[in-house]
Amino acid sequence: MSKPKFQAPDTYVIIFFVVLAAALLTFIVPIGSFETEEVTVEELDDTRTVIDPESFSYVTDDDGEKVREGISLFEPFGGVGFLNYMFEGMVAGDKWGAAVGVVAFILVIGGSFGIILKTGAVNAGILSMIEKTKGREVLLIPVLFFMFSLGGAIFGMSEEAMAFAMIVIPIVIAMGYDSIVGICITYVATQIGFATSWMNPFGVAIAQGVADVPVYSGAGFRMVLWTIFTAVGIAYTYSYARKIKEDPAKSIAYESDRIHHSDSIKEGQSQEKISEGFSLGHALVLTTIGLGIVWIIWGVVNHAYYIPEIATQFFTMGIISGIIGVIFKLNDMTINDIAGSFKDGAKDLVGAALVVGMAQGIILVLGGTDPENGTVLNTVLNWVGGAIGSFPAAISAWFMYLFQSIFNFFVVSGSGQAALVMPLMAPLADLAGVARQVAVLAYQMGDGFTNMIVPTSASLMGVLGVAGLDWSKWLKFIFKFQIILFVMASLAIITAVMIGLQ
């Protein structure tokens, strides 16, 4: 009798047990709070509420004993109990962030691309492109990876990768690769750019402003890091893609790609079919997508468009594409098909949207991220901050990077993490003899690189939802690359200390 094959736990199962661990932690760790103050980054004309690192205090009861709240099993009237984590996580936040805003964003994006894909324009365009780039399609990997990494570096591209993945993943599958290659050249590339950025206004600029470091300083060193890390990311993705091209069955995503992308175009179709399949209507839909992407980039760069605006822009692209589909009878589309394909597209991403809410539930169980409320997270932040300052400079800087990497599991927002952590890390860096610029770099890389792996990242789970890939399978692929990035980032931090980066 053969041994039963090990089956990786579903993402929902993993998150459930993380929530359980967080709940147990509330019975062990006393809660604490910080006072806050307003810090204005004049170069960005942006004001942030940050913690006062000297103001930490434990919450005590009437007898002066430290309070360990211990979360209840169930809490009525909108409270947070262990069994409330799903619903409360889903409705947490606002339209500008996790969870409810990101959930809505994922569903609108999914529905909009449901309409676009219904027109058949993407598939027809893929066929035409494959035929025209025969023998040169491998160039797509480094070119797109470079562009998405640049987007992450310049304007902090992250959530936008979800929408782009819907276009890129079918393309790379049709070229004989898999959805993992599509995830790498879209989402992974953006996070490498984010982690090594020299000018991202939502990450490095905010962190530098909060740490009282000249905004956009240290750009030269970061540009070198961006070049090196982007090159390594391209090489890693290219090597993996070649292996999958030679033997598609080696792909971790082989089965899920067959299930979720069975309608993707395969190579080997005839020239006649290509010429017959690509029409003026298809060209107009693809033009709509292209102009929509230009509109999004313009809005993000010039007006700081974020989740509400970007969702609306993609919704507009979907509606216009649907109208074109009806007028030109693409796939025999009707008005009702626009509505039906929107529902089908949104339905495909419901699983990813639920994961976003569940992951947010972890944070709520730990008390949330408000520094002025007594929470377990505040206590842990204070404990770690106190320990880091007692090491030599290079080791302290490395521990800052390690801590930021772990803390990113709980606070994925780049600017939110900067406001919480940098006011504490900046004075600790002074005590440890570490330049504040290096402390910012530790935050930046700890935040960016782990966004590729933590299931609490709404952007990551959205992209995995687009690919139809379970997080546990993604973890199996990305873990080795994470180790490579961790070692490289550690060397970068130590190098920054040794050369006296300011």
Protein backbone atom coordinates (compact mmCIF):
# COMPACT_ATOMS: atom_id res chain seq x y z
CA MET A 1 0.00 0.00 0.00
CA SER A 2 1.50 3.30 -1.09
CA LYS A 3 1.92 6.11 1.39
CA PRO A 4 -0.58 8.94 1.04
CA LYS A 5 0.92 11.86 -0.84
CA PHE A 6 1.47 14.99 1.23
CA GLN A 7 -1.00 17.70 0.34
CA ALA A 8 -0.07 21.29 1.02
CA PRO A 9 -2.66 23.06 3.18
CA ASP A 10 -5.02 25.48 1.48
CA THR A 11 -4.34 29.20 1.96
CA TYR A 12 -7.53 29.52 4.02
CA VAL A 13 -6.30 26.78 6.36
CA ILE A 14 -2.91 28.46 6.78
CA ILE A 15 -4.48 31.82 7.60
CA PHE A 16 -6.88 30.20 10.06
CA PHE A 17 -4.01 28.76 12.07
CA VAL A 18 -2.12 32.07 11.92
CA VAL A 19 -5.23 33.75 13.36
CA LEU A 20 -5.32 31.06 16.04
CA ALA A 21 -1.66 31.73 16.93
CA ALA A 22 -2.36 35.48 17.05
CA ALA A 23 -5.31 34.84 19.37
CA LEU A 24 -3.15 32.80 21.74
CA LEU A 25 -0.56 35.58 21.72
CA THR A 26 -3.13 38.01 23.15
CA PHE A 27 -3.21 35.89 26.33
CA ILE A 28 0.58 36.00 26.72
CA VAL A 29 1.80 39.45 25.64
CA PRO A 30 0.72 42.50 27.66
CA ILE A 31 -0.75 45.34 25.65
CA GLY A 32 0.87 48.75 25.29
CA SER A 33 0.47 52.05 23.49
CA PHE A 34 2.40 55.04 22.19
CA GLU A 35 1.59 58.71 22.00
CA THR A 36 1.66 60.21 18.52
CA GLU A 37 2.70 63.42 16.84
CA GLU A 38 2.31 65.02 13.42
CA VAL A 39 5.30 65.07 11.07
CA THR A 40 5.19 67.04 7.82
CA VAL A 41 7.38 66.05 4.89
CA GLU A 42 7.74 69.47 3.30
CA GLU A 43 9.20 68.18 0.01
CA LEU A 44 6.06 66.09 -0.51
CA ASP A 45 3.64 68.50 1.21
CA ASP A 46 2.48 65.46 3.19
CA THR A 47 1.63 65.22 6.89
CA ARG A 48 1.81 61.90 8.71
CA THR A 49 0.81 60.80 12.21
CA VAL A 50 3.81 58.99 13.71
CA ILE A 51 4.63 57.50 17.09
CA ASP A 52 6.73 59.17 19.77
CA PRO A 53 9.29 56.41 20.52
CA GLU A 54 9.86 57.67 24.08
CA SER A 55 6.18 57.55 24.99
CA PHE A 56 5.54 53.79 25.16
CA SER A 57 3.62 52.61 28.19
CA TYR A 58 1.89 49.41 29.20
CA VAL A 59 -1.84 49.43 29.82
CA THR A 60 -2.39 48.55 33.49
CA ASP A 61 -5.39 47.66 35.61
CA ASP A 62 -6.46 49.27 38.89
CA ASP A 63 -3.83 47.26 40.77
CA GLY A 64 -1.04 48.42 38.47
CA GLU A 65 -0.71 45.03 36.78
CA LYS A 66 0.00 44.84 33.06
CA VAL A 67 -3.12 43.97 31.10
CA ARG A 68 -3.23 40.91 28.88
CA GLU A 69 -6.57 41.18 27.19
CA GLY A 70 -6.97 37.67 25.77
CA ILE A 71 -9.36 37.82 22.85
CA SER A 72 -12.85 36.44 23.34
CA LEU A 73 -14.23 33.60 21.24
CA PHE A 74 -17.04 35.80 19.92
CA GLU A 75 -17.74 39.49 20.29
CA PRO A 76 -21.16 41.06 19.47
CA PHE A 77 -22.03 44.60 18.37
CA GLY A 78 -19.20 45.04 15.89
CA GLY A 79 -16.43 43.93 18.24
CA VAL A 80 -13.55 41.65 17.32
CA GLY A 81 -13.50 38.10 18.64
CA PHE A 82 -11.71 35.03 17.32
CA LEU A 83 -14.74 33.89 15.33
CA ASN A 84 -15.33 37.42 14.01
CA TYR A 85 -12.04 37.60 12.12
CA MET A 86 -13.52 36.81 8.70
CA PHE A 87 -16.35 39.35 8.65
CA GLU A 88 -14.54 42.09 10.56
CA GLY A 89 -11.49 41.63 8.34
CA MET A 90 -13.62 41.97 5.20
CA VAL A 91 -15.17 45.27 6.30
CA ALA A 92 -12.07 46.81 7.90
CA GLY A 93 -10.49 49.96 6.55
CA ASP A 94 -11.88 52.25 3.89
CA LYS A 95 -11.96 52.65 0.12
CA TRP A 96 -8.32 53.73 0.05
CA GLY A 97 -6.87 50.54 1.52
CA ALA A 98 -7.19 47.13 3.12
CA ALA A 99 -9.45 45.47 3.43
CA VAL A 100 -12.76 46.70 2.06
CA GLY A 101 -11.18 49.01 -0.53
CA VAL A 102 -8.87 46.30 -1.85
CA VAL A 103 -11.70 43.75 -1.89
CA ALA A 104 -13.81 46.11 -4.00
CA PHE A 105 -10.80 46.86 -6.20
CA ILE A 106 -10.18 43.16 -6.87
CA LEU A 107 -13.83 42.50 -7.77
CA VAL A 108 -14.12 45.54 -10.06
CA ILE A 109 -10.85 44.69 -11.80
CA GLY A 110 -11.95 41.07 -12.21
CA GLY A 111 -15.31 42.08 -13.65
CA SER A 112 -13.79 44.62 -16.01
CA PHE A 113 -11.33 42.12 -17.42
CA GLY A 114 -14.12 39.59 -17.69
CA ILE A 115 -15.69 41.92 -20.25
CA ILE A 116 -12.38 42.53 -22.04
CA LEU A 117 -11.60 38.83 -22.27
CA LYS A 118 -15.12 38.10 -23.52
CA THR A 119 -14.43 40.21 -26.63
CA GLY A 120 -11.62 37.80 -27.58
CA ALA A 121 -9.36 40.75 -28.38
CA VAL A 122 -6.63 39.70 -25.95
CA ASN A 123 -6.48 36.18 -27.34
CA ALA A 124 -6.50 37.43 -30.94
CA GLY A 125 -3.77 39.91 -30.11
CA ILE A 126 -1.69 37.18 -28.47
CA LEU A 127 -1.95 34.99 -31.56
CA SER A 128 -0.85 37.82 -33.78
CA MET A 129 2.04 38.78 -31.51
CA ILE A 130 3.29 35.20 -31.22
CA GLU A 131 3.36 34.84 -34.97
CA LYS A 132 5.19 38.15 -35.49
CA THR A 133 7.77 37.50 -32.76
CA LYS A 134 8.45 33.87 -33.66
CA GLY A 135 11.88 32.96 -32.25
CA ARG A 136 12.20 36.28 -30.39
CA GLU A 137 9.41 35.92 -27.84
CA VAL A 138 11.91 35.16 -25.09
CA LEU A 139 12.88 38.86 -25.20
CA LEU A 140 9.49 39.59 -23.65
CA ILE A 141 10.73 38.39 -20.26
CA PRO A 142 13.62 40.82 -19.66
CA VAL A 143 11.85 43.75 -21.33
CA LEU A 144 8.64 43.46 -19.29
CA PHE A 145 10.50 42.62 -16.07
CA PHE A 146 12.63 45.74 -16.51
CA MET A 147 9.57 47.94 -17.16
CA PHE A 148 7.58 46.66 -14.18
CA SER A 149 10.60 46.96 -11.90
CA LEU A 150 11.03 50.54 -13.09
CA GLY A 151 7.35 51.18 -12.34
CA GLY A 152 7.83 49.90 -8.79
CA ALA A 153 10.89 52.09 -8.35
CA ILE A 154 9.43 55.30 -9.77
CA PHE A 155 5.86 55.38 -8.47
CA GLY A 156 5.49 52.35 -6.21
CA MET A 157 3.50 50.16 -8.59
CA SER A 158 1.91 47.29 -6.66
CA GLU A 159 -1.88 46.98 -6.77
CA GLU A 160 -1.76 47.84 -10.47
CA ALA A 161 0.12 44.58 -11.09
CA MET A 162 -3.15 42.68 -10.54
CA ALA A 163 -4.66 44.16 -13.66
CA PHE A 164 -1.52 43.82 -15.75
CA ALA A 165 -1.20 40.18 -14.70
CA MET A 166 -4.55 39.51 -16.37
CA ILE A 167 -2.99 40.54 -19.67
CA VAL A 168 0.52 39.13 -19.24
CA ILE A 169 -0.28 35.69 -17.80
CA PRO A 170 -2.30 34.49 -20.84
CA ILE A 171 0.47 35.79 -23.10
CA VAL A 172 3.27 33.86 -21.40
CA ILE A 173 1.15 30.71 -21.15
CA ALA A 174 0.43 30.94 -24.86
CA MET A 175 4.16 31.21 -25.47
CA GLY A 176 4.77 27.93 -23.68
CA TYR A 177 5.62 29.19 -20.19
CA ASP A 178 3.39 29.18 -17.10
CA SER A 179 1.50 31.61 -14.89
CA ILE A 180 4.42 31.79 -12.45
CA VAL A 181 6.52 33.44 -15.16
CA GLY A 182 3.70 35.96 -15.61
CA ILE A 183 3.60 36.67 -11.87
CA CYS A 184 7.37 37.15 -11.80
CA ILE A 185 7.55 39.64 -14.65
CA THR A 186 4.64 41.67 -13.26
CA TYR A 187 4.26 41.51 -9.47
CA VAL A 188 7.71 40.25 -8.41
CA ALA A 189 9.36 42.84 -10.64
CA THR A 190 7.35 45.68 -9.08
CA GLN A 191 8.39 44.61 -5.58
CA ILE A 192 12.06 44.47 -6.51
CA GLY A 193 11.66 48.01 -7.85
CA PHE A 194 9.81 49.06 -4.70
CA ALA A 195 12.45 47.56 -2.39
CA THR A 196 15.38 49.28 -4.11
CA SER A 197 13.68 52.48 -5.22
CA TRP A 198 15.44 55.82 -5.10
CA MET A 199 12.31 57.96 -5.68
CA ASN A 200 9.10 56.08 -4.80
CA PRO A 201 6.94 58.77 -3.11
CA PHE A 202 4.85 56.20 -1.19
CA GLY A 203 7.78 54.30 0.33
CA VAL A 204 11.31 55.66 0.46
CA ALA A 205 10.28 59.33 0.41
CA ILE A 206 7.83 58.96 3.30
CA ALA A 207 10.32 56.91 5.33
CA GLN A 208 13.09 59.46 4.76
CA GLY A 209 10.80 62.32 5.70
CA VAL A 210 9.67 60.63 8.92
CA ALA A 211 13.29 59.75 9.80
CA ASP A 212 14.37 63.36 9.18
CA VAL A 213 16.62 62.35 6.29
CA PRO A 214 16.70 64.56 3.15
CA VAL A 215 14.02 63.22 0.82
CA TYR A 216 15.40 61.32 -2.20
CA SER A 217 18.93 61.38 -0.76
CA GLY A 218 21.17 58.32 -1.19
CA ALA A 219 19.78 57.89 -4.70
CA GLY A 220 23.09 56.80 -6.25
CA PHE A 221 23.54 53.81 -3.95
CA ARG A 222 19.91 52.77 -4.42
CA MET A 223 20.18 53.00 -8.22
CA VAL A 224 23.11 50.59 -8.09
CA LEU A 225 21.05 48.23 -5.90
CA TRP A 226 18.07 48.50 -8.25
CA THR A 227 20.24 47.59 -11.23
CA ILE A 228 21.77 44.58 -9.47
CA PHE A 229 18.54 43.22 -7.97
CA THR A 230 16.59 43.73 -11.19
CA ALA A 231 19.28 41.90 -13.16
CA VAL A 232 19.18 39.00 -10.69
CA GLY A 233 15.36 38.91 -10.91
CA ILE A 234 15.50 38.80 -14.71
CA ALA A 235 18.13 36.04 -14.68
CA TYR A 236 16.17 33.95 -12.17
CA THR A 237 12.91 34.32 -14.07
CA TYR A 238 14.57 33.65 -17.43
CA SER A 239 16.26 30.49 -16.10
CA TYR A 240 12.98 29.19 -14.70
CA ALA A 241 11.10 30.08 -17.90
CA ARG A 242 13.56 28.13 -20.07
CA LYS A 243 13.14 25.07 -17.84
CA ILE A 244 9.34 25.24 -18.13
CA LYS A 245 9.53 25.81 -21.88
CA GLU A 246 11.50 22.57 -22.23
CA ASP A 247 9.18 20.57 -19.98
CA PRO A 248 5.88 22.24 -18.98
CA ALA A 249 5.05 19.36 -16.63
CA LYS A 250 7.80 20.57 -14.28
CA SER A 251 5.73 23.62 -13.45
CA ILE A 252 4.16 23.82 -10.00
CA ALA A 253 1.32 25.63 -11.74
CA TYR A 254 0.87 22.97 -14.44
CA GLU A 255 -2.49 21.67 -13.20
CA SER A 256 -3.89 25.04 -12.10
CA ASP A 257 -2.94 26.60 -15.44
CA ARG A 258 -4.83 23.83 -17.25
CA ILE A 259 -7.90 24.46 -15.10
CA HIS A 260 -7.90 28.25 -15.00
CA HIS A 261 -6.32 29.08 -18.34
CA SER A 262 -7.55 26.27 -20.57
CA ASP A 263 -8.79 28.83 -23.09
CA SER A 264 -5.36 30.44 -23.45
CA ILE A 265 -4.05 30.24 -26.97
CA LYS A 266 -1.48 27.56 -27.71
CA GLU A 267 1.32 27.81 -30.16
CA GLY A 268 1.16 26.10 -33.52
CA GLN A 269 -2.08 27.58 -34.84
CA SER A 270 -2.07 28.45 -38.50
CA GLN A 271 -1.30 31.77 -40.12
CA GLU A 272 -4.71 31.68 -41.81
CA LYS A 273 -6.48 31.42 -38.46
CA ILE A 274 -4.46 34.34 -37.13
CA SER A 275 -5.26 36.58 -40.05
CA GLU A 276 -8.93 35.61 -39.94
CA GLY A 277 -9.21 36.01 -36.15
CA PHE A 278 -7.77 39.51 -35.70
CA SER A 279 -10.23 42.22 -36.72
CA LEU A 280 -10.73 45.96 -36.50
CA GLY A 281 -12.91 45.43 -33.42
CA HIS A 282 -10.10 43.54 -31.69
CA ALA A 283 -7.67 46.32 -32.57
CA LEU A 284 -10.02 48.93 -31.08
CA VAL A 285 -10.35 46.95 -27.83
CA LEU A 286 -6.56 46.62 -27.53
CA THR A 287 -6.22 50.33 -28.27
CA THR A 288 -8.69 51.02 -25.47
CA ILE A 289 -6.55 48.95 -23.10
CA GLY A 290 -3.38 50.74 -24.21
CA LEU A 291 -4.89 54.20 -23.79
CA GLY A 292 -6.34 53.14 -20.44
CA ILE A 293 -2.91 52.07 -19.20
CA VAL A 294 -1.45 55.42 -20.29
CA TRP A 295 -4.28 57.16 -18.41
CA ILE A 296 -3.52 55.15 -15.27
CA ILE A 297 0.22 55.86 -15.38
CA TRP A 298 -0.46 59.57 -15.98
CA GLY A 299 -2.88 59.69 -13.05
CA VAL A 300 -0.60 57.84 -10.63
CA VAL A 301 2.50 59.87 -11.49
CA ASN A 302 0.89 63.31 -11.75
CA HIS A 303 -2.07 63.12 -9.38
CA ALA A 304 -1.29 60.21 -7.02
CA TYR A 305 -4.29 58.17 -8.21
CA TYR A 306 -4.83 55.17 -5.99
CA ILE A 307 -7.30 52.34 -5.47
CA PRO A 308 -10.63 54.21 -6.09
CA GLU A 309 -9.39 56.01 -9.20
CA ILE A 310 -7.56 53.03 -10.70
CA ALA A 311 -10.57 50.76 -10.18
CA THR A 312 -12.75 53.29 -11.98
CA GLN A 313 -10.25 53.59 -14.82
CA PHE A 314 -10.29 49.84 -15.40
CA PHE A 315 -14.08 49.78 -15.11
CA THR A 316 -14.20 52.42 -17.86
CA MET A 317 -11.88 50.32 -20.01
CA GLY A 318 -14.18 47.34 -19.50
CA ILE A 319 -17.36 49.20 -20.40
CA ILE A 320 -15.87 50.76 -23.56
CA SER A 321 -14.44 47.38 -24.61
CA GLY A 322 -17.85 45.78 -24.09
CA ILE A 323 -19.55 48.43 -26.24
CA ILE A 324 -16.98 47.86 -28.99
CA GLY A 325 -17.60 44.12 -28.68
CA VAL A 326 -21.35 44.59 -29.16
CA ILE A 327 -20.96 46.98 -32.11
CA PHE A 328 -18.48 44.73 -33.93
CA LYS A 329 -20.20 41.48 -32.86
CA LEU A 330 -17.00 40.13 -31.28
CA ASN A 331 -17.78 36.60 -30.07
CA ASP A 332 -21.41 37.48 -30.95
CA MET A 333 -21.53 39.75 -27.89
CA THR A 334 -24.80 41.33 -26.74
CA ILE A 335 -25.58 43.93 -24.10
CA ASN A 336 -26.46 41.16 -21.68
CA ASP A 337 -23.08 39.52 -22.34
CA ILE A 338 -21.39 42.65 -20.97
CA ALA A 339 -23.20 42.18 -17.66
CA GLY A 340 -22.74 38.41 -17.65
CA SER A 341 -19.00 38.55 -18.37
CA PHE A 342 -18.54 41.20 -15.68
CA LYS A 343 -20.18 38.86 -13.15
CA ASP A 344 -18.10 35.92 -14.32
CA GLY A 345 -14.87 37.93 -14.12
CA ALA A 346 -15.65 39.12 -10.62
CA LYS A 347 -16.63 35.60 -9.58
CA ASP A 348 -13.22 34.29 -10.60
CA LEU A 349 -11.55 36.60 -8.07
CA VAL A 350 -13.93 36.17 -5.13
CA GLY A 351 -11.49 33.69 -3.56
CA ALA A 352 -8.67 36.23 -3.67
CA ALA A 353 -10.93 38.92 -2.22
CA LEU A 354 -11.87 36.67 0.70
CA VAL A 355 -8.20 36.02 1.47
CA VAL A 356 -7.61 39.78 1.75
CA GLY A 357 -10.34 40.02 4.39
CA MET A 358 -9.12 36.96 6.26
CA ALA A 359 -5.55 38.27 6.33
CA GLN A 360 -6.76 41.60 7.68
CA GLY A 361 -8.47 39.62 10.42
CA ILE A 362 -5.03 38.61 11.75
CA ILE A 363 -4.22 42.26 12.41
CA LEU A 364 -7.57 42.88 14.08
CA VAL A 365 -7.13 39.90 16.42
CA LEU A 366 -3.81 41.42 17.55
CA GLY A 367 -5.58 44.68 18.31
CA GLY A 368 -5.07 46.61 15.08
CA THR A 369 -2.34 49.03 14.07
CA ASP A 370 -3.44 52.15 15.95
CA PRO A 371 -0.41 53.13 18.09
CA GLU A 372 -2.57 55.04 20.59
CA ASN A 373 -4.69 52.00 21.44
CA GLY A 374 -3.36 49.28 23.69
CA THR A 375 -2.33 46.42 21.38
CA VAL A 376 -0.02 43.42 21.27
CA LEU A 377 1.67 44.82 18.14
CA ASN A 378 2.69 47.99 19.97
CA THR A 379 4.33 45.97 22.72
CA VAL A 380 6.21 43.76 20.28
CA LEU A 381 7.36 46.84 18.37
CA ASN A 382 8.73 48.37 21.58
CA TRP A 383 10.43 45.15 22.69
CA VAL A 384 12.22 44.63 19.41
CA GLY A 385 13.19 48.28 19.16
CA GLY A 386 14.83 48.16 22.58
CA ALA A 387 16.79 45.01 21.74
CA ILE A 388 18.15 46.20 18.39
CA GLY A 389 20.09 49.15 19.80
CA SER A 390 22.38 46.97 21.93
CA PHE A 391 24.39 45.46 19.03
CA PRO A 392 27.37 46.76 16.99
CA ALA A 393 26.41 49.03 14.08
CA ALA A 394 26.45 46.47 11.25
CA ILE A 395 24.60 43.86 13.31
CA SER A 396 22.04 46.42 14.51
CA ALA A 397 21.39 47.48 10.93
CA TRP A 398 20.96 43.86 9.88
CA PHE A 399 18.53 43.22 12.74
CA MET A 400 16.57 46.27 11.62
CA TYR A 401 16.24 44.67 8.20
CA LEU A 402 15.26 41.32 9.74
CA PHE A 403 12.65 42.97 11.96
CA GLN A 404 11.16 44.97 9.09
CA SER A 405 10.88 41.77 7.05
CA ILE A 406 8.94 40.05 9.84
CA PHE A 407 6.86 43.09 10.79
CA ASN A 408 5.72 43.42 7.18
CA PHE A 409 3.59 40.32 7.73
CA PHE A 410 1.40 42.43 10.02
CA VAL A 411 1.59 45.89 8.43
CA VAL A 412 1.92 45.47 4.66
CA SER A 413 1.22 49.11 3.75
CA GLY A 414 4.54 50.73 2.89
CA SER A 415 3.67 54.24 4.09
CA GLY A 416 1.79 52.83 7.11
CA GLN A 417 4.78 50.76 8.15
CA ALA A 418 7.07 53.76 7.72
CA ALA A 419 4.87 55.88 10.02
CA LEU A 420 4.79 53.16 12.68
CA VAL A 421 8.38 51.95 12.60
CA MET A 422 10.68 54.72 11.39
CA PRO A 423 10.09 57.07 14.36
CA LEU A 424 11.34 54.22 16.57
CA MET A 425 14.16 52.99 14.33
CA ALA A 426 15.61 56.44 13.59
CA PRO A 427 16.68 57.30 17.17
CA LEU A 428 17.72 53.68 17.75
CA ALA A 429 19.96 53.96 14.71
CA ASP A 430 21.60 57.01 16.32
CA LEU A 431 22.27 55.06 19.53
CA ALA A 432 23.71 52.09 17.62
CA GLY A 433 25.92 54.23 15.42
CA VAL A 434 23.89 53.41 12.30
CA ALA A 435 23.15 56.18 9.82
CA ARG A 436 19.43 56.95 9.56
CA GLN A 437 19.77 56.52 5.80
CA VAL A 438 20.72 52.88 6.44
CA ALA A 439 17.72 52.46 8.76
CA VAL A 440 15.49 53.70 5.92
CA LEU A 441 17.15 51.23 3.54
CA ALA A 442 16.50 48.41 6.03
CA TYR A 443 12.82 49.37 6.19
CA GLN A 444 12.60 49.69 2.42
CA MET A 445 14.05 46.28 1.56
CA GLY A 446 12.39 44.50 4.48
CA ASP A 447 9.04 45.84 3.33
CA GLY A 448 9.44 45.33 -0.42
CA PHE A 449 10.99 41.89 -0.71
CA THR A 450 8.66 40.15 1.75
CA ASN A 451 5.64 41.51 -0.14
CA MET A 452 6.37 38.66 -2.55
CA ILE A 453 5.64 36.01 0.06
CA VAL A 454 3.39 37.19 2.93
CA PRO A 455 -0.25 36.06 2.55
CA THR A 456 -1.36 39.29 4.21
CA SER A 457 -0.36 41.23 1.08
CA ALA A 458 -3.57 42.10 -0.75
CA SER A 459 -1.65 42.74 -3.97
CA LEU A 460 0.06 39.34 -3.87
CA MET A 461 -3.15 37.47 -3.12
CA GLY A 462 -4.93 39.38 -5.88
CA VAL A 463 -2.28 38.43 -8.43
CA LEU A 464 -2.35 34.80 -7.28
CA GLY A 465 -6.12 34.91 -7.66
CA VAL A 466 -5.72 36.15 -11.22
CA ALA A 467 -3.34 33.26 -11.90
CA GLY A 468 -5.61 30.73 -10.17
CA LEU A 469 -2.60 29.68 -8.08
CA ASP A 470 -2.83 28.68 -4.43
CA TRP A 471 -0.52 30.52 -2.03
CA SER A 472 1.04 27.32 -0.73
CA LYS A 473 2.14 26.42 -4.27
CA TRP A 474 3.49 29.91 -4.81
CA LEU A 475 5.44 29.60 -1.55
CA LYS A 476 7.08 26.45 -2.85
CA PHE A 477 8.34 28.35 -5.88
CA ILE A 478 9.27 31.71 -4.35
CA PHE A 479 10.95 30.44 -1.17
CA LYS A 480 14.33 29.80 -2.83
CA PHE A 481 14.30 33.21 -4.49
CA GLN A 482 13.41 34.78 -1.14
CA ILE A 483 16.53 33.25 0.38
CA ILE A 484 18.62 34.70 -2.46
CA LEU A 485 17.08 38.13 -1.98
CA PHE A 486 17.54 37.94 1.80
CA VAL A 487 21.24 37.16 1.49
CA MET A 488 21.76 39.89 -1.11
CA ALA A 489 19.84 42.45 0.96
CA SER A 490 21.82 41.52 4.08
CA LEU A 491 25.06 42.14 2.20
CA ALA A 492 23.67 45.43 0.89
CA ILE A 493 22.81 46.59 4.43
CA ILE A 494 26.25 45.66 5.78
CA THR A 495 27.91 47.35 2.80
CA ALA A 496 25.87 50.51 3.40
CA VAL A 497 27.12 50.62 7.01
CA MET A 498 30.73 49.99 6.01
CA ILE A 499 30.82 52.73 3.34
CA GLY A 500 29.03 55.18 5.65
CA LEU A 501 25.94 55.71 3.49
CA GLN A 502 24.33 59.03 4.40
